[in-house]
Amino acid sequence: MSDEHPHALVTIRATTPARGPYRVDGDWKLVDKDGVAMPLPERKDPRRISLCGCGLSQKWPICDGTHKTNWPPAE
């Protein structure tokens, strides 16, 4: 029996803002709520992505590093 799950669905939800990104490594695809693939920026390693955890990214849902200079978020 194999431990591989080629079509596993992973949902990441945060109930409070995180200071930094959520790192995702492996074979994955980012889709919207309707299951449509979202365009992604070019990356050094296409199997790795950082998703925004703070909600401040201008490239949401991709982390753009805004959390490094704009934390805590303004209310």
PDB file of N, CA and C in Angstrom:
ATOM      1  N   MET A   1       0.841  -1.185   0.000  1.00  0.00           N
ATOM      2  CA  MET A   1       0.000   0.000   0.000  1.00  0.00           C
ATOM      3  C   MET A   1       0.884   1.246   0.000  1.00  0.00           C
ATOM      4  N   SER A   2       0.557   2.206  -0.815  1.00  0.00           N
ATOM      5  CA  SER A   2       1.345   3.427  -0.949  1.00  0.00           C
ATOM      6  C   SER A   2       0.878   4.482   0.040  1.00  0.00           C
ATOM      7  N   ASP A   3       1.823   5.315   0.518  1.00  0.00           N
ATOM      8  CA  ASP A   3       1.482   6.423   1.404  1.00  0.00           C
ATOM      9  C   ASP A   3       1.228   7.706   0.629  1.00  0.00           C
ATOM     10  N   GLU A   4       1.289   7.622  -0.702  1.00  0.00           N
ATOM     11  CA  GLU A   4       1.090   8.811  -1.529  1.00  0.00           C
ATOM     12  C   GLU A   4      -0.391   9.120  -1.677  1.00  0.00           C
ATOM     13  N   HIS A   5      -0.727  10.429  -1.722  1.00  0.00           N
ATOM     14  CA  HIS A   5      -2.098  10.893  -1.916  1.00  0.00           C
ATOM     15  C   HIS A   5      -2.076  11.930  -3.038  1.00  0.00           C
ATOM     16  N   PRO A   6      -2.065  11.498  -4.301  1.00  0.00           N
ATOM     17  CA  PRO A   6      -1.873  12.440  -5.397  1.00  0.00           C
ATOM     18  C   PRO A   6      -2.996  13.459  -5.562  1.00  0.00           C
ATOM     19  N   HIS A   7      -4.169  13.201  -5.003  1.00  0.00           N
ATOM     20  CA  HIS A   7      -5.280  14.128  -5.178  1.00  0.00           C
ATOM     21  C   HIS A   7      -5.835  14.593  -3.838  1.00  0.00           C
ATOM     22  N   ALA A   8      -5.007  14.641  -2.820  1.00  0.00           N
ATOM     23  CA  ALA A   8      -5.468  15.076  -1.502  1.00  0.00           C
ATOM     24  C   ALA A   8      -5.804  16.562  -1.538  1.00  0.00           C
ATOM     25  N   LEU A   9      -6.859  16.953  -0.861  1.00  0.00           N
ATOM     26  CA  LEU A   9      -7.272  18.340  -0.770  1.00  0.00           C
ATOM     27  C   LEU A   9      -6.864  18.875   0.592  1.00  0.00           C
ATOM     28  N   VAL A  10      -6.173  19.996   0.592  1.00  0.00           N
ATOM     29  CA  VAL A  10      -5.750  20.616   1.838  1.00  0.00           C
ATOM     30  C   VAL A  10      -6.382  21.992   1.907  1.00  0.00           C
ATOM     31  N   THR A  11      -7.072  22.271   2.980  1.00  0.00           N
ATOM     32  CA  THR A  11      -7.667  23.586   3.194  1.00  0.00           C
ATOM     33  C   THR A  11      -6.948  24.244   4.345  1.00  0.00           C
ATOM     34  N   ILE A  12      -6.506  25.477   4.137  1.00  0.00           N
ATOM     35  CA  ILE A  12      -5.840  26.228   5.191  1.00  0.00           C
ATOM     36  C   ILE A  12      -6.738  27.401   5.567  1.00  0.00           C
ATOM     37  N   ARG A  13      -7.129  27.455   6.836  1.00  0.00           N
ATOM     38  CA  ARG A  13      -7.946  28.557   7.330  1.00  0.00           C
ATOM     39  C   ARG A  13      -7.321  29.073   8.620  1.00  0.00           C
ATOM     40  N   ALA A  14      -7.358  30.374   8.792  1.00  0.00           N
ATOM     41  CA  ALA A  14      -6.839  30.962  10.017  1.00  0.00           C
ATOM     42  C   ALA A  14      -7.960  31.756  10.676  1.00  0.00           C
ATOM     43  N   THR A  15      -8.135  31.574  11.974  1.00  0.00           N
ATOM     44  CA  THR A  15      -9.178  32.313  12.675  1.00  0.00           C
ATOM     45  C   THR A  15      -8.645  33.630  13.230  1.00  0.00           C
ATOM     46  N   THR A  16      -7.343  33.737  13.380  1.00  0.00           N
ATOM     47  CA  THR A  16      -6.715  34.993  13.792  1.00  0.00           C
ATOM     48  C   THR A  16      -5.533  35.228  12.860  1.00  0.00           C
ATOM     49  N   PRO A  17      -5.186  36.496  12.598  1.00  0.00           N
ATOM     50  CA  PRO A  17      -4.071  36.747  11.685  1.00  0.00           C
ATOM     51  C   PRO A  17      -2.755  36.165  12.189  1.00  0.00           C
ATOM     52  N   ALA A  18      -2.020  35.567  11.289  1.00  0.00           N
ATOM     53  CA  ALA A  18      -0.674  35.084  11.598  1.00  0.00           C
ATOM     54  C   ALA A  18       0.296  36.207  11.272  1.00  0.00           C
ATOM     55  N   ARG A  19       1.449  36.215  11.892  1.00  0.00           N
ATOM     56  CA  ARG A  19       2.432  37.247  11.574  1.00  0.00           C
ATOM     57  C   ARG A  19       3.139  36.960  10.255  1.00  0.00           C
ATOM     58  N   GLY A  20       3.340  35.726   9.951  1.00  0.00           N
ATOM     59  CA  GLY A  20       4.071  35.371   8.746  1.00  0.00           C
ATOM     60  C   GLY A  20       3.264  34.482   7.827  1.00  0.00           C
ATOM     61  N   PRO A  21       3.917  33.963   6.800  1.00  0.00           N
ATOM     62  CA  PRO A  21       3.224  33.154   5.791  1.00  0.00           C
ATOM     63  C   PRO A  21       3.040  31.698   6.206  1.00  0.00           C
ATOM     64  N   TYR A  22       2.149  31.049   5.474  1.00  0.00           N
ATOM     65  CA  TYR A  22       1.976  29.602   5.567  1.00  0.00           C
ATOM     66  C   TYR A  22       2.782  29.012   4.416  1.00  0.00           C
ATOM     67  N   ARG A  23       3.750  28.167   4.719  1.00  0.00           N
ATOM     68  CA  ARG A  23       4.574  27.537   3.682  1.00  0.00           C
ATOM     69  C   ARG A  23       3.913  26.250   3.234  1.00  0.00           C
ATOM     70  N   VAL A  24       3.865  26.047   1.914  1.00  0.00           N
ATOM     71  CA  VAL A  24       3.309  24.824   1.342  1.00  0.00           C
ATOM     72  C   VAL A  24       4.374  24.240   0.423  1.00  0.00           C
ATOM     73  N   ASP A  25       4.733  22.988   0.660  1.00  0.00           N
ATOM     74  CA  ASP A  25       5.744  22.293  -0.138  1.00  0.00           C
ATOM     75  C   ASP A  25       5.146  21.023  -0.712  1.00  0.00           C
ATOM     76  N   GLY A  26       5.525  20.687  -1.933  1.00  0.00           N
ATOM     77  CA  GLY A  26       5.090  19.426  -2.536  1.00  0.00           C
ATOM     78  C   GLY A  26       4.356  19.651  -3.833  1.00  0.00           C
ATOM     79  N   ASP A  27       3.622  18.644  -4.250  1.00  0.00           N
ATOM     80  CA  ASP A  27       2.806  18.735  -5.461  1.00  0.00           C
ATOM     81  C   ASP A  27       1.448  19.281  -5.060  1.00  0.00           C
ATOM     82  N   TRP A  28       1.118  20.461  -5.512  1.00  0.00           N
ATOM     83  CA  TRP A  28      -0.122  21.109  -5.128  1.00  0.00           C
ATOM     84  C   TRP A  28      -0.606  21.982  -6.264  1.00  0.00           C
ATOM     85  N   LYS A  29      -1.843  22.445  -6.168  1.00  0.00           N
ATOM     86  CA  LYS A  29      -2.419  23.383  -7.125  1.00  0.00           C
ATOM     87  C   LYS A  29      -3.281  24.345  -6.320  1.00  0.00           C
ATOM     88  N   LEU A  30      -3.151  25.627  -6.569  1.00  0.00           N
ATOM     89  CA  LEU A  30      -3.942  26.643  -5.877  1.00  0.00           C
ATOM     90  C   LEU A  30      -5.181  26.936  -6.709  1.00  0.00           C
ATOM     91  N   VAL A  31      -6.347  26.744  -6.107  1.00  0.00           N
ATOM     92  CA  VAL A  31      -7.610  26.977  -6.814  1.00  0.00           C
ATOM     93  C   VAL A  31      -8.492  27.914  -6.008  1.00  0.00           C
ATOM     94  N   ASP A  32      -9.409  28.596  -6.706  1.00  0.00           N
ATOM     95  CA  ASP A  32     -10.358  29.469  -6.018  1.00  0.00           C
ATOM     96  C   ASP A  32     -11.518  28.634  -5.477  1.00  0.00           C
ATOM     97  N   LYS A  33     -12.511  29.303  -4.903  1.00  0.00           N
ATOM     98  CA  LYS A  33     -13.626  28.578  -4.272  1.00  0.00           C
ATOM     99  C   LYS A  33     -14.459  27.767  -5.263  1.00  0.00           C
ATOM    100  N   ASP A  34     -14.334  28.082  -6.561  1.00  0.00           N
ATOM    101  CA  ASP A  34     -15.058  27.346  -7.588  1.00  0.00           C
ATOM    102  C   ASP A  34     -14.224  26.238  -8.221  1.00  0.00           C
ATOM    103  N   GLY A  35     -12.985  26.048  -7.721  1.00  0.00           N
ATOM    104  CA  GLY A  35     -12.118  25.006  -8.235  1.00  0.00           C
ATOM    105  C   GLY A  35     -11.313  25.414  -9.458  1.00  0.00           C
ATOM    106  N   VAL A  36     -11.326  26.715  -9.799  1.00  0.00           N
ATOM    107  CA  VAL A  36     -10.586  27.208 -10.956  1.00  0.00           C
ATOM    108  C   VAL A  36      -9.149  27.521 -10.527  1.00  0.00           C
ATOM    109  N   ALA A  37      -8.172  27.011 -11.292  1.00  0.00           N
ATOM    110  CA  ALA A  37      -6.763  27.242 -10.967  1.00  0.00           C
ATOM    111  C   ALA A  37      -6.442  28.738 -10.993  1.00  0.00           C
ATOM    112  N   MET A  38      -5.716  29.195  -9.970  1.00  0.00           N
ATOM    113  CA  MET A  38      -5.331  30.599  -9.878  1.00  0.00           C
ATOM    114  C   MET A  38      -3.949  30.797 -10.494  1.00  0.00           C
ATOM    115  N   PRO A  39      -3.737  31.923 -11.198  1.00  0.00           N
ATOM    116  CA  PRO A  39      -2.413  32.187 -11.756  1.00  0.00           C
ATOM    117  C   PRO A  39      -1.416  32.455 -10.637  1.00  0.00           C
ATOM    118  N   LEU A  40      -0.199  31.982 -10.811  1.00  0.00           N
ATOM    119  CA  LEU A  40       0.826  32.134  -9.789  1.00  0.00           C
ATOM    120  C   LEU A  40       2.040  32.846 -10.360  1.00  0.00           C
ATOM    121  N   PRO A  41       2.748  33.610  -9.522  1.00  0.00           N
ATOM    122  CA  PRO A  41       3.986  34.231  -9.985  1.00  0.00           C
ATOM    123  C   PRO A  41       5.071  33.173 -10.166  1.00  0.00           C
ATOM    124  N   GLU A  42       6.072  33.491 -10.982  1.00  0.00           N
ATOM    125  CA  GLU A  42       7.196  32.569 -11.131  1.00  0.00           C
ATOM    126  C   GLU A  42       7.941  32.487  -9.815  1.00  0.00           C
ATOM    127  N   ARG A  43       8.411  31.275  -9.507  1.00  0.00           N
ATOM    128  CA  ARG A  43       9.139  31.060  -8.259  1.00  0.00           C
ATOM    129  C   ARG A  43      10.380  30.238  -8.553  1.00  0.00           C
ATOM    130  N   LYS A  44      11.390  30.342  -7.700  1.00  0.00           N
ATOM    131  CA  LYS A  44      12.606  29.543  -7.851  1.00  0.00           C
ATOM    132  C   LYS A  44      12.282  28.065  -7.806  1.00  0.00           C
ATOM    133  N   ASP A  45      11.438  27.673  -6.858  1.00  0.00           N
ATOM    134  CA  ASP A  45      11.045  26.282  -6.686  1.00  0.00           C
ATOM    135  C   ASP A  45       9.531  26.188  -6.889  1.00  0.00           C
ATOM    136  N   PRO A  46       9.057  25.687  -8.027  1.00  0.00           N
ATOM    137  CA  PRO A  46       7.616  25.638  -8.288  1.00  0.00           C
ATOM    138  C   PRO A  46       6.842  24.716  -7.358  1.00  0.00           C
ATOM    139  N   ARG A  47       7.548  23.896  -6.575  1.00  0.00           N
ATOM    140  CA  ARG A  47       6.862  23.017  -5.617  1.00  0.00           C
ATOM    141  C   ARG A  47       6.690  23.679  -4.254  1.00  0.00           C
ATOM    142  N   ARG A  48       7.134  24.929  -4.102  1.00  0.00           N
ATOM    143  CA  ARG A  48       7.052  25.624  -2.817  1.00  0.00           C
ATOM    144  C   ARG A  48       6.355  26.969  -3.018  1.00  0.00           C
ATOM    145  N   ILE A  49       5.462  27.293  -2.081  1.00  0.00           N
ATOM    146  CA  ILE A  49       4.781  28.584  -2.131  1.00  0.00           C
ATOM    147  C   ILE A  49       4.568  29.085  -0.704  1.00  0.00           C
ATOM    148  N   SER A  50       4.488  30.386  -0.552  1.00  0.00           N
ATOM    149  CA  SER A  50       4.176  31.002   0.734  1.00  0.00           C
ATOM    150  C   SER A  50       2.844  31.725   0.584  1.00  0.00           C
ATOM    151  N   LEU A  51       1.866  31.296   1.364  1.00  0.00           N
ATOM    152  CA  LEU A  51       0.543  31.910   1.339  1.00  0.00           C
ATOM    153  C   LEU A  51       0.428  32.939   2.446  1.00  0.00           C
ATOM    154  N   CYS A  52      -0.236  34.050   2.165  1.00  0.00           N
ATOM    155  CA  CYS A  52      -0.383  35.142   3.118  1.00  0.00           C
ATOM    156  C   CYS A  52      -1.161  34.674   4.348  1.00  0.00           C
ATOM    157  N   GLY A  53      -0.603  34.942   5.516  1.00  0.00           N
ATOM    158  CA  GLY A  53      -1.275  34.595   6.763  1.00  0.00           C
ATOM    159  C   GLY A  53      -1.778  35.813   7.512  1.00  0.00           C
ATOM    160  N   CYS A  54      -1.335  37.009   7.113  1.00  0.00           N
ATOM    161  CA  CYS A  54      -1.698  38.223   7.850  1.00  0.00           C
ATOM    162  C   CYS A  54      -2.807  39.025   7.182  1.00  0.00           C
ATOM    163  N   GLY A  55      -3.057  38.792   5.898  1.00  0.00           N
ATOM    164  CA  GLY A  55      -4.099  39.519   5.188  1.00  0.00           C
ATOM    165  C   GLY A  55      -3.657  40.848   4.608  1.00  0.00           C
ATOM    166  N   LEU A  56      -2.378  41.190   4.708  1.00  0.00           N
ATOM    167  CA  LEU A  56      -1.883  42.479   4.238  1.00  0.00           C
ATOM    168  C   LEU A  56      -1.266  42.441   2.841  1.00  0.00           C
ATOM    169  N   SER A  57      -1.029  41.276   2.289  1.00  0.00           N
ATOM    170  CA  SER A  57      -0.336  41.137   1.008  1.00  0.00           C
ATOM    171  C   SER A  57      -1.098  41.813  -0.128  1.00  0.00           C
ATOM    172  N   GLN A  58      -0.376  42.536  -0.977  1.00  0.00           N
ATOM    173  CA  GLN A  58      -0.970  43.132  -2.176  1.00  0.00           C
ATOM    174  C   GLN A  58      -1.138  42.085  -3.279  1.00  0.00           C
ATOM    175  N   LYS A  59      -0.537  40.911  -3.081  1.00  0.00           N
ATOM    176  CA  LYS A  59      -0.628  39.818  -4.056  1.00  0.00           C
ATOM    177  C   LYS A  59      -1.440  38.659  -3.493  1.00  0.00           C
ATOM    178  N   TRP A  60      -2.313  38.929  -2.525  1.00  0.00           N
ATOM    179  CA  TRP A  60      -3.072  37.899  -1.850  1.00  0.00           C
ATOM    180  C   TRP A  60      -3.691  36.947  -2.870  1.00  0.00           C
ATOM    181  N   PRO A  61      -3.633  35.651  -2.669  1.00  0.00           N
ATOM    182  CA  PRO A  61      -3.305  34.921  -1.459  1.00  0.00           C
ATOM    183  C   PRO A  61      -1.815  34.607  -1.308  1.00  0.00           C
ATOM    184  N   ILE A  62      -0.981  35.121  -2.225  1.00  0.00           N
ATOM    185  CA  ILE A  62       0.460  34.876  -2.160  1.00  0.00           C
ATOM    186  C   ILE A  62       1.092  35.888  -1.202  1.00  0.00           C
ATOM    187  N   CYS A  63       1.986  35.444  -0.346  1.00  0.00           N
ATOM    188  CA  CYS A  63       2.694  36.330   0.571  1.00  0.00           C
ATOM    189  C   CYS A  63       3.676  37.191  -0.221  1.00  0.00           C
ATOM    190  N   ASP A  64       3.664  38.512   0.022  1.00  0.00           N
ATOM    191  CA  ASP A  64       4.620  39.401  -0.639  1.00  0.00           C
ATOM    192  C   ASP A  64       5.600  40.025   0.358  1.00  0.00           C
ATOM    193  N   GLY A  65       5.576  39.561   1.608  1.00  0.00           N
ATOM    194  CA  GLY A  65       6.509  40.048   2.615  1.00  0.00           C
ATOM    195  C   GLY A  65       6.047  41.294   3.350  1.00  0.00           C
ATOM    196  N   THR A  66       4.839  41.781   3.075  1.00  0.00           N
ATOM    197  CA  THR A  66       4.332  42.994   3.717  1.00  0.00           C
ATOM    198  C   THR A  66       4.329  42.873   5.236  1.00  0.00           C
ATOM    199  N   HIS A  67       4.132  41.669   5.756  1.00  0.00           N
ATOM    200  CA  HIS A  67       4.081  41.466   7.207  1.00  0.00           C
ATOM    201  C   HIS A  67       5.377  41.890   7.897  1.00  0.00           C
ATOM    202  N   LYS A  68       6.467  41.937   7.149  1.00  0.00           N
ATOM    203  CA  LYS A  68       7.766  42.289   7.749  1.00  0.00           C
ATOM    204  C   LYS A  68       7.821  43.758   8.156  1.00  0.00           C
ATOM    205  N   THR A  69       7.089  44.619   7.470  1.00  0.00           N
ATOM    206  CA  THR A  69       7.174  46.054   7.753  1.00  0.00           C
ATOM    207  C   THR A  69       5.868  46.673   8.234  1.00  0.00           C
ATOM    208  N   ASN A  70       4.770  45.996   8.089  1.00  0.00           N
ATOM    209  CA  ASN A  70       3.460  46.570   8.449  1.00  0.00           C
ATOM    210  C   ASN A  70       2.734  45.769   9.518  1.00  0.00           C
ATOM    211  N   TRP A  71       3.441  45.389  10.557  1.00  0.00           N
ATOM    212  CA  TRP A  71       2.782  44.608  11.615  1.00  0.00           C
ATOM    213  C   TRP A  71       2.840  45.380  12.908  1.00  0.00           C
ATOM    214  N   PRO A  72       1.824  45.458  13.705  1.00  0.00           N
ATOM    215  CA  PRO A  72       0.515  44.822  13.510  1.00  0.00           C
ATOM    216  C   PRO A  72      -0.337  45.611  12.531  1.00  0.00           C
ATOM    217  N   PRO A  73      -1.351  44.949  11.950  1.00  0.00           N
ATOM    218  CA  PRO A  73      -2.212  45.626  10.979  1.00  0.00           C
ATOM    219  C   PRO A  73      -3.008  46.730  11.661  1.00  0.00           C
ATOM    220  N   ALA A  74      -3.281  47.804  10.919  1.00  0.00           N
ATOM    221  CA  ALA A  74      -4.089  48.915  11.436  1.00  0.00           C
ATOM    222  C   ALA A  74      -5.521  48.449  11.595  1.00  0.00           C
ATOM    223  N   GLU A  75      -6.178  48.941  12.602  1.00  0.00           N
ATOM    224  CA  GLU A  75      -7.594  48.569  12.815  1.00  0.00           C
ATOM    225  C   GLU A  75      -8.512  49.632  12.327  1.00  0.00           C
TER     226      GLU A  75
END
